[in-house]
């Protein structure tokens, strides 16, 4: 298995692990158990991971962080809107 394929597997698994929580939050709009501070830091961190992936031209890193960032921004928006 090449290093790039390992990156795709890692990206798929870590992004997929985030999806159930994101879907639950989107369905229920319940953000009471989510820390605003943690999500702000997490979202900013994802922006930096995406930028780093772009600098490295690492497609697994770019794709995974685009998807995870999109989900995190939606959840952060729900947290800000619904508390």
PDB file of N, CA and C in Angstrom:
ATOM      1  N   UNK A   1       0.859  -1.177   0.000  1.00  0.00           N
ATOM      2  CA  UNK A   1       0.000   0.000   0.000  1.00  0.00           C
ATOM      3  C   UNK A   1       0.901   1.235   0.000  1.00  0.00           C
ATOM      4  N   UNK A   2       0.672   2.129  -0.933  1.00  0.00           N
ATOM      5  CA  UNK A   2       1.495   3.333  -1.012  1.00  0.00           C
ATOM      6  C   UNK A   2       1.118   4.317   0.087  1.00  0.00           C
ATOM      7  N   UNK A   3       2.001   5.253   0.350  1.00  0.00           N
ATOM      8  CA  UNK A   3       1.734   6.272   1.358  1.00  0.00           C
ATOM      9  C   UNK A   3       0.478   7.071   1.052  1.00  0.00           C
ATOM     10  N   UNK A   4       0.239   7.346  -0.233  1.00  0.00           N
ATOM     11  CA  UNK A   4      -0.948   8.121  -0.594  1.00  0.00           C
ATOM     12  C   UNK A   4      -2.221   7.349  -0.286  1.00  0.00           C
ATOM     13  N   UNK A   5      -2.228   6.042  -0.544  1.00  0.00           N
ATOM     14  CA  UNK A   5      -3.427   5.249  -0.238  1.00  0.00           C
ATOM     15  C   UNK A   5      -3.660   5.161   1.262  1.00  0.00           C
ATOM     16  N   UNK A   6      -2.580   5.104   2.035  1.00  0.00           N
ATOM     17  CA  UNK A   6      -2.736   5.129   3.494  1.00  0.00           C
ATOM     18  C   UNK A   6      -3.364   6.450   3.925  1.00  0.00           C
ATOM     19  N   UNK A   7      -2.981   7.521   3.251  1.00  0.00           N
ATOM     20  CA  UNK A   7      -3.591   8.820   3.535  1.00  0.00           C
ATOM     21  C   UNK A   7      -5.074   8.824   3.227  1.00  0.00           C
ATOM     22  N   UNK A   8      -5.469   8.219   2.106  1.00  0.00           N
ATOM     23  CA  UNK A   8      -6.897   8.144   1.764  1.00  0.00           C
ATOM     24  C   UNK A   8      -7.671   7.320   2.787  1.00  0.00           C
ATOM     25  N   UNK A   9      -7.093   6.211   3.228  1.00  0.00           N
ATOM     26  CA  UNK A   9      -7.762   5.379   4.239  1.00  0.00           C
ATOM     27  C   UNK A   9      -7.902   6.157   5.547  1.00  0.00           C
ATOM     28  N   UNK A  10      -6.813   6.782   5.986  1.00  0.00           N
ATOM     29  CA  UNK A  10      -6.860   7.567   7.225  1.00  0.00           C
ATOM     30  C   UNK A  10      -7.873   8.702   7.115  1.00  0.00           C
ATOM     31  N   UNK A  11      -7.868   9.412   6.004  1.00  0.00           N
ATOM     32  CA  UNK A  11      -8.795  10.526   5.793  1.00  0.00           C
ATOM     33  C   UNK A  11     -10.241  10.047   5.799  1.00  0.00           C
ATOM     34  N   UNK A  12     -10.493   8.926   5.153  1.00  0.00           N
ATOM     35  CA  UNK A  12     -11.850   8.383   5.098  1.00  0.00           C
ATOM     36  C   UNK A  12     -12.326   7.982   6.493  1.00  0.00           C
ATOM     37  N   UNK A  13     -11.483   7.296   7.232  1.00  0.00           N
ATOM     38  CA  UNK A  13     -11.891   6.825   8.560  1.00  0.00           C
ATOM     39  C   UNK A  13     -12.110   7.977   9.536  1.00  0.00           C
ATOM     40  N   UNK A  14     -11.206   8.948   9.568  1.00  0.00           N
ATOM     41  CA  UNK A  14     -11.368  10.045  10.526  1.00  0.00           C
ATOM     42  C   UNK A  14     -12.538  10.943  10.158  1.00  0.00           C
ATOM     43  N   UNK A  15     -12.768  11.153   8.880  1.00  0.00           N
ATOM     44  CA  UNK A  15     -13.919  11.946   8.465  1.00  0.00           C
ATOM     45  C   UNK A  15     -15.209  11.178   8.728  1.00  0.00           C
ATOM     46  N   UNK A  16     -15.220   9.888   8.417  1.00  0.00           N
ATOM     47  CA  UNK A  16     -16.413   9.064   8.648  1.00  0.00           C
ATOM     48  C   UNK A  16     -16.753   8.994  10.135  1.00  0.00           C
ATOM     49  N   UNK A  17     -15.754   9.006  10.993  1.00  0.00           N
ATOM     50  CA  UNK A  17     -16.001   8.971  12.437  1.00  0.00           C
ATOM     51  C   UNK A  17     -16.723  10.230  12.907  1.00  0.00           C
ATOM     52  N   UNK A  18     -16.529  11.316  12.220  1.00  0.00           N
ATOM     53  CA  UNK A  18     -17.147  12.590  12.592  1.00  0.00           C
ATOM     54  C   UNK A  18     -18.595  12.698  12.102  1.00  0.00           C
ATOM     55  N   UNK A  19     -18.942  11.987  11.045  1.00  0.00           N
ATOM     56  CA  UNK A  19     -20.248  12.115  10.394  1.00  0.00           C
ATOM     57  C   UNK A  19     -21.436  11.764  11.301  1.00  0.00           C
ATOM     58  N   UNK A  20     -21.434  10.675  12.073  1.00  0.00           N
ATOM     59  CA  UNK A  20     -22.618  10.371  12.898  1.00  0.00           C
ATOM     60  C   UNK A  20     -22.972  11.489  13.888  1.00  0.00           C
ATOM     61  N   UNK A  21     -21.961  12.061  14.531  1.00  0.00           N
ATOM     62  CA  UNK A  21     -22.230  13.158  15.461  1.00  0.00           C
ATOM     63  C   UNK A  21     -22.767  14.377  14.727  1.00  0.00           C
ATOM     64  N   UNK A  22     -22.206  14.661  13.575  1.00  0.00           N
ATOM     65  CA  UNK A  22     -22.677  15.798  12.783  1.00  0.00           C
ATOM     66  C   UNK A  22     -24.131  15.592  12.350  1.00  0.00           C
ATOM     67  N   UNK A  23     -24.455  14.391  11.875  1.00  0.00           N
ATOM     68  CA  UNK A  23     -25.833  14.112  11.448  1.00  0.00           C
ATOM     69  C   UNK A  23     -26.805  14.206  12.613  1.00  0.00           C
ATOM     70  N   UNK A  24     -26.420  13.675  13.775  1.00  0.00           N
ATOM     71  CA  UNK A  24     -27.286  13.747  14.951  1.00  0.00           C
ATOM     72  C   UNK A  24     -27.539  15.205  15.340  1.00  0.00           C
ATOM     73  N   UNK A  25     -26.497  15.995  15.322  1.00  0.00           N
ATOM     74  CA  UNK A  25     -26.645  17.408  15.672  1.00  0.00           C
ATOM     75  C   UNK A  25     -27.515  18.130  14.648  1.00  0.00           C
ATOM     76  N   UNK A  26     -27.344  17.820  13.388  1.00  0.00           N
ATOM     77  CA  UNK A  26     -28.172  18.441  12.351  1.00  0.00           C
ATOM     78  C   UNK A  26     -29.644  18.050  12.496  1.00  0.00           C
ATOM     79  N   UNK A  27     -29.895  16.776  12.818  1.00  0.00           N
ATOM     80  CA  UNK A  27     -31.284  16.308  12.967  1.00  0.00           C
ATOM     81  C   UNK A  27     -31.958  16.891  14.193  1.00  0.00           C
ATOM     82  N   UNK A  28     -31.259  16.881  15.312  1.00  0.00           N
ATOM     83  CA  UNK A  28     -31.891  17.274  16.578  1.00  0.00           C
ATOM     84  C   UNK A  28     -31.752  18.758  16.901  1.00  0.00           C
ATOM     85  N   UNK A  29     -30.765  19.406  16.285  1.00  0.00           N
ATOM     86  CA  UNK A  29     -30.449  20.813  16.592  1.00  0.00           C
ATOM     87  C   UNK A  29     -30.041  20.989  18.059  1.00  0.00           C
ATOM     88  N   UNK A  30     -29.736  19.889  18.732  1.00  0.00           N
ATOM     89  CA  UNK A  30     -29.340  19.941  20.139  1.00  0.00           C
ATOM     90  C   UNK A  30     -27.830  20.090  20.222  1.00  0.00           C
ATOM     91  N   UNK A  31     -27.391  21.246  20.658  1.00  0.00           N
ATOM     92  CA  UNK A  31     -25.963  21.512  20.794  1.00  0.00           C
ATOM     93  C   UNK A  31     -25.561  21.728  22.252  1.00  0.00           C
ATOM     94  N   UNK A  32     -26.445  21.359  23.168  1.00  0.00           N
ATOM     95  CA  UNK A  32     -26.183  21.615  24.591  1.00  0.00           C
ATOM     96  C   UNK A  32     -24.949  20.874  25.102  1.00  0.00           C
ATOM     97  N   UNK A  33     -24.629  19.744  24.527  1.00  0.00           N
ATOM     98  CA  UNK A  33     -23.479  18.970  24.977  1.00  0.00           C
ATOM     99  C   UNK A  33     -22.191  19.319  24.258  1.00  0.00           C
ATOM    100  N   UNK A  34     -22.239  20.348  23.439  1.00  0.00           N
ATOM    101  CA  UNK A  34     -21.070  20.725  22.647  1.00  0.00           C
ATOM    102  C   UNK A  34     -20.434  21.971  23.243  1.00  0.00           C
ATOM    103  N   UNK A  35     -19.144  21.932  23.427  1.00  0.00           N
ATOM    104  CA  UNK A  35     -18.403  23.075  23.945  1.00  0.00           C
ATOM    105  C   UNK A  35     -18.135  24.061  22.817  1.00  0.00           C
ATOM    106  N   UNK A  36     -18.579  25.307  22.999  1.00  0.00           N
ATOM    107  CA  UNK A  36     -18.339  26.333  21.990  1.00  0.00           C
ATOM    108  C   UNK A  36     -16.847  26.560  21.790  1.00  0.00           C
ATOM    109  N   UNK A  37     -16.112  26.662  22.890  1.00  0.00           N
ATOM    110  CA  UNK A  37     -14.666  26.881  22.781  1.00  0.00           C
ATOM    111  C   UNK A  37     -13.963  25.779  22.013  1.00  0.00           C
ATOM    112  N   UNK A  38     -14.338  24.543  22.304  1.00  0.00           N
ATOM    113  CA  UNK A  38     -13.723  23.408  21.617  1.00  0.00           C
ATOM    114  C   UNK A  38     -14.023  23.467  20.124  1.00  0.00           C
ATOM    115  N   UNK A  39     -15.253  23.779  19.754  1.00  0.00           N
ATOM    116  CA  UNK A  39     -15.609  23.810  18.334  1.00  0.00           C
ATOM    117  C   UNK A  39     -14.957  24.960  17.592  1.00  0.00           C
ATOM    118  N   UNK A  40     -14.770  26.094  18.263  1.00  0.00           N
ATOM    119  CA  UNK A  40     -14.057  27.209  17.629  1.00  0.00           C
ATOM    120  C   UNK A  40     -12.608  26.790  17.356  1.00  0.00           C
ATOM    121  N   UNK A  41     -11.939  26.244  18.366  1.00  0.00           N
ATOM    122  CA  UNK A  41     -10.554  25.810  18.205  1.00  0.00           C
ATOM    123  C   UNK A  41     -10.459  24.700  17.157  1.00  0.00           C
ATOM    124  N   UNK A  42     -11.376  23.740  17.196  1.00  0.00           N
ATOM    125  CA  UNK A  42     -11.397  22.629  16.241  1.00  0.00           C
ATOM    126  C   UNK A  42     -11.557  23.141  14.808  1.00  0.00           C
ATOM    127  N   UNK A  43     -12.476  24.077  14.607  1.00  0.00           N
ATOM    128  CA  UNK A  43     -12.735  24.611  13.268  1.00  0.00           C
ATOM    129  C   UNK A  43     -11.531  25.393  12.748  1.00  0.00           C
ATOM    130  N   UNK A  44     -10.924  26.191  13.591  1.00  0.00           N
ATOM    131  CA  UNK A  44      -9.713  26.922  13.185  1.00  0.00           C
ATOM    132  C   UNK A  44      -8.595  25.923  12.867  1.00  0.00           C
ATOM    133  N   UNK A  45      -8.464  24.894  13.683  1.00  0.00           N
ATOM    134  CA  UNK A  45      -7.470  23.857  13.415  1.00  0.00           C
ATOM    135  C   UNK A  45      -7.694  23.183  12.075  1.00  0.00           C
ATOM    136  N   UNK A  46      -8.943  22.906  11.737  1.00  0.00           N
ATOM    137  CA  UNK A  46      -9.248  22.310  10.441  1.00  0.00           C
ATOM    138  C   UNK A  46      -8.859  23.239   9.293  1.00  0.00           C
ATOM    139  N   UNK A  47      -9.047  24.531   9.476  1.00  0.00           N
ATOM    140  CA  UNK A  47      -8.629  25.493   8.446  1.00  0.00           C
ATOM    141  C   UNK A  47      -7.123  25.394   8.210  1.00  0.00           C
ATOM    142  N   UNK A  48      -6.371  25.282   9.313  1.00  0.00           N
ATOM    143  CA  UNK A  48      -4.926  25.154   9.166  1.00  0.00           C
ATOM    144  C   UNK A  48      -4.517  23.815   8.561  1.00  0.00           C
ATOM    145  N   UNK A  49      -5.199  22.724   8.927  1.00  0.00           N
ATOM    146  CA  UNK A  49      -4.909  21.429   8.305  1.00  0.00           C
ATOM    147  C   UNK A  49      -5.194  21.472   6.812  1.00  0.00           C
ATOM    148  N   UNK A  50      -6.286  22.129   6.435  1.00  0.00           N
ATOM    149  CA  UNK A  50      -6.616  22.261   5.012  1.00  0.00           C
ATOM    150  C   UNK A  50      -5.534  23.058   4.293  1.00  0.00           C
ATOM    151  N   UNK A  51      -5.123  24.178   4.876  1.00  0.00           N
ATOM    152  CA  UNK A  51      -4.070  24.987   4.266  1.00  0.00           C
ATOM    153  C   UNK A  51      -2.775  24.184   4.134  1.00  0.00           C
ATOM    154  N   UNK A  52      -2.450  23.422   5.177  1.00  0.00           N
ATOM    155  CA  UNK A  52      -1.252  22.587   5.153  1.00  0.00           C
ATOM    156  C   UNK A  52      -1.351  21.535   4.041  1.00  0.00           C
ATOM    157  N   UNK A  53      -2.513  20.921   3.912  1.00  0.00           N
ATOM    158  CA  UNK A  53      -2.718  19.942   2.843  1.00  0.00           C
ATOM    159  C   UNK A  53      -2.564  20.568   1.470  1.00  0.00           C
ATOM    160  N   UNK A  54      -3.039  21.795   1.327  1.00  0.00           N
ATOM    161  CA  UNK A  54      -2.893  22.499   0.046  1.00  0.00           C
ATOM    162  C   UNK A  54      -1.421  22.780  -0.244  1.00  0.00           C
ATOM    163  N   UNK A  55      -0.686  23.245   0.771  1.00  0.00           N
ATOM    164  CA  UNK A  55       0.750  23.503   0.601  1.00  0.00           C
ATOM    165  C   UNK A  55       1.475  22.225   0.178  1.00  0.00           C
ATOM    166  N   UNK A  56       1.126  21.112   0.807  1.00  0.00           N
ATOM    167  CA  UNK A  56       1.759  19.829   0.489  1.00  0.00           C
ATOM    168  C   UNK A  56       1.191  19.194  -0.775  1.00  0.00           C
ATOM    169  N   UNK A  57       0.104  19.743  -1.286  1.00  0.00           N
ATOM    170  CA  UNK A  57      -0.627  19.159  -2.421  1.00  0.00           C
ATOM    171  C   UNK A  57      -1.020  17.713  -2.126  1.00  0.00           C
ATOM    172  N   UNK A  58      -1.494  17.498  -0.908  1.00  0.00           N
ATOM    173  CA  UNK A  58      -1.908  16.174  -0.455  1.00  0.00           C
ATOM    174  C   UNK A  58      -3.422  16.048  -0.597  1.00  0.00           C
ATOM    175  N   UNK A  59      -3.856  15.381  -1.642  1.00  0.00           N
ATOM    176  CA  UNK A  59      -5.292  15.269  -1.890  1.00  0.00           C
ATOM    177  C   UNK A  59      -6.062  14.561  -0.785  1.00  0.00           C
ATOM    178  N   UNK A  60      -5.515  13.512  -0.168  1.00  0.00           N
ATOM    179  CA  UNK A  60      -6.261  12.915   0.946  1.00  0.00           C
ATOM    180  C   UNK A  60      -6.508  13.932   2.066  1.00  0.00           C
ATOM    181  N   UNK A  61      -5.490  14.703   2.390  1.00  0.00           N
ATOM    182  CA  UNK A  61      -5.618  15.692   3.454  1.00  0.00           C
ATOM    183  C   UNK A  61      -6.569  16.825   3.049  1.00  0.00           C
ATOM    184  N   UNK A  62      -6.480  17.258   1.814  1.00  0.00           N
ATOM    185  CA  UNK A  62      -7.343  18.335   1.320  1.00  0.00           C
ATOM    186  C   UNK A  62      -8.804  17.902   1.346  1.00  0.00           C
ATOM    187  N   UNK A  63      -9.099  16.748   0.769  1.00  0.00           N
ATOM    188  CA  UNK A  63     -10.491  16.286   0.680  1.00  0.00           C
ATOM    189  C   UNK A  63     -11.101  16.030   2.061  1.00  0.00           C
ATOM    190  N   UNK A  64     -10.343  15.345   2.914  1.00  0.00           N
ATOM    191  CA  UNK A  64     -10.866  15.042   4.252  1.00  0.00           C
ATOM    192  C   UNK A  64     -11.147  16.324   5.027  1.00  0.00           C
ATOM    193  N   UNK A  65     -10.262  17.288   4.935  1.00  0.00           N
ATOM    194  CA  UNK A  65     -10.451  18.510   5.693  1.00  0.00           C
ATOM    195  C   UNK A  65     -11.532  19.409   5.105  1.00  0.00           C
ATOM    196  N   UNK A  66     -11.758  19.363   3.814  1.00  0.00           N
ATOM    197  CA  UNK A  66     -12.878  20.106   3.228  1.00  0.00           C
ATOM    198  C   UNK A  66     -14.194  19.561   3.770  1.00  0.00           C
ATOM    199  N   UNK A  67     -14.350  18.249   3.760  1.00  0.00           N
ATOM    200  CA  UNK A  67     -15.599  17.628   4.234  1.00  0.00           C
ATOM    201  C   UNK A  67     -15.786  17.876   5.732  1.00  0.00           C
ATOM    202  N   UNK A  68     -14.751  17.605   6.508  1.00  0.00           N
ATOM    203  CA  UNK A  68     -14.863  17.772   7.956  1.00  0.00           C
ATOM    204  C   UNK A  68     -15.059  19.239   8.317  1.00  0.00           C
ATOM    205  N   UNK A  69     -14.388  20.147   7.628  1.00  0.00           N
ATOM    206  CA  UNK A  69     -14.554  21.577   7.886  1.00  0.00           C
ATOM    207  C   UNK A  69     -15.982  22.017   7.582  1.00  0.00           C
ATOM    208  N   UNK A  70     -16.538  21.540   6.495  1.00  0.00           N
ATOM    209  CA  UNK A  70     -17.920  21.902   6.160  1.00  0.00           C
ATOM    210  C   UNK A  70     -18.879  21.454   7.263  1.00  0.00           C
ATOM    211  N   UNK A  71     -18.719  20.229   7.731  1.00  0.00           N
ATOM    212  CA  UNK A  71     -19.573  19.733   8.812  1.00  0.00           C
ATOM    213  C   UNK A  71     -19.355  20.517  10.105  1.00  0.00           C
ATOM    214  N   UNK A  72     -18.101  20.811  10.418  1.00  0.00           N
ATOM    215  CA  UNK A  72     -17.791  21.542  11.644  1.00  0.00           C
ATOM    216  C   UNK A  72     -18.351  22.962  11.609  1.00  0.00           C
ATOM    217  N   UNK A  73     -18.294  23.610  10.452  1.00  0.00           N
ATOM    218  CA  UNK A  73     -18.836  24.972  10.325  1.00  0.00           C
ATOM    219  C   UNK A  73     -20.346  24.962  10.525  1.00  0.00           C
ATOM    220  N   UNK A  74     -21.017  23.950   9.989  1.00  0.00           N
ATOM    221  CA  UNK A  74     -22.470  23.852  10.176  1.00  0.00           C
ATOM    222  C   UNK A  74     -22.790  23.647  11.658  1.00  0.00           C
ATOM    223  N   UNK A  75     -22.086  22.749  12.312  1.00  0.00           N
ATOM    224  CA  UNK A  75     -22.335  22.494  13.734  1.00  0.00           C
ATOM    225  C   UNK A  75     -21.997  23.726  14.568  1.00  0.00           C
ATOM    226  N   UNK A  76     -20.909  24.387  14.251  1.00  0.00           N
ATOM    227  CA  UNK A  76     -20.558  25.617  14.966  1.00  0.00           C
ATOM    228  C   UNK A  76     -21.639  26.669  14.771  1.00  0.00           C
ATOM    229  N   UNK A  77     -22.155  26.784  13.563  1.00  0.00           N
ATOM    230  CA  UNK A  77     -23.252  27.714  13.308  1.00  0.00           C
ATOM    231  C   UNK A  77     -24.488  27.380  14.119  1.00  0.00           C
ATOM    232  N   UNK A  78     -24.815  26.089  14.214  1.00  0.00           N
ATOM    233  CA  UNK A  78     -25.957  25.673  15.030  1.00  0.00           C
ATOM    234  C   UNK A  78     -25.717  25.980  16.508  1.00  0.00           C
ATOM    235  N   UNK A  79     -24.499  25.771  16.962  1.00  0.00           N
ATOM    236  CA  UNK A  79     -24.157  26.071  18.359  1.00  0.00           C
ATOM    237  C   UNK A  79     -24.314  27.560  18.631  1.00  0.00           C
ATOM    238  N   UNK A  80     -23.859  28.375  17.722  1.00  0.00           N
ATOM    239  CA  UNK A  80     -23.994  29.833  17.904  1.00  0.00           C
ATOM    240  C   UNK A  80     -25.447  30.277  17.829  1.00  0.00           C
ATOM    241  N   UNK A  81     -26.224  29.622  16.986  1.00  0.00           N
ATOM    242  CA  UNK A  81     -27.630  30.005  16.809  1.00  0.00           C
ATOM    243  C   UNK A  81     -28.534  29.487  17.918  1.00  0.00           C
ATOM    244  N   UNK A  82     -28.337  28.237  18.322  1.00  0.00           N
ATOM    245  CA  UNK A  82     -29.234  27.597  19.273  1.00  0.00           C
ATOM    246  C   UNK A  82     -28.653  27.458  20.673  1.00  0.00           C
ATOM    247  N   UNK A  83     -27.390  27.851  20.845  1.00  0.00           N
ATOM    248  CA  UNK A  83     -26.768  27.794  22.169  1.00  0.00           C
ATOM    249  C   UNK A  83     -26.508  26.419  22.604  1.00  0.00           C
TER     250      UNK A  83
END
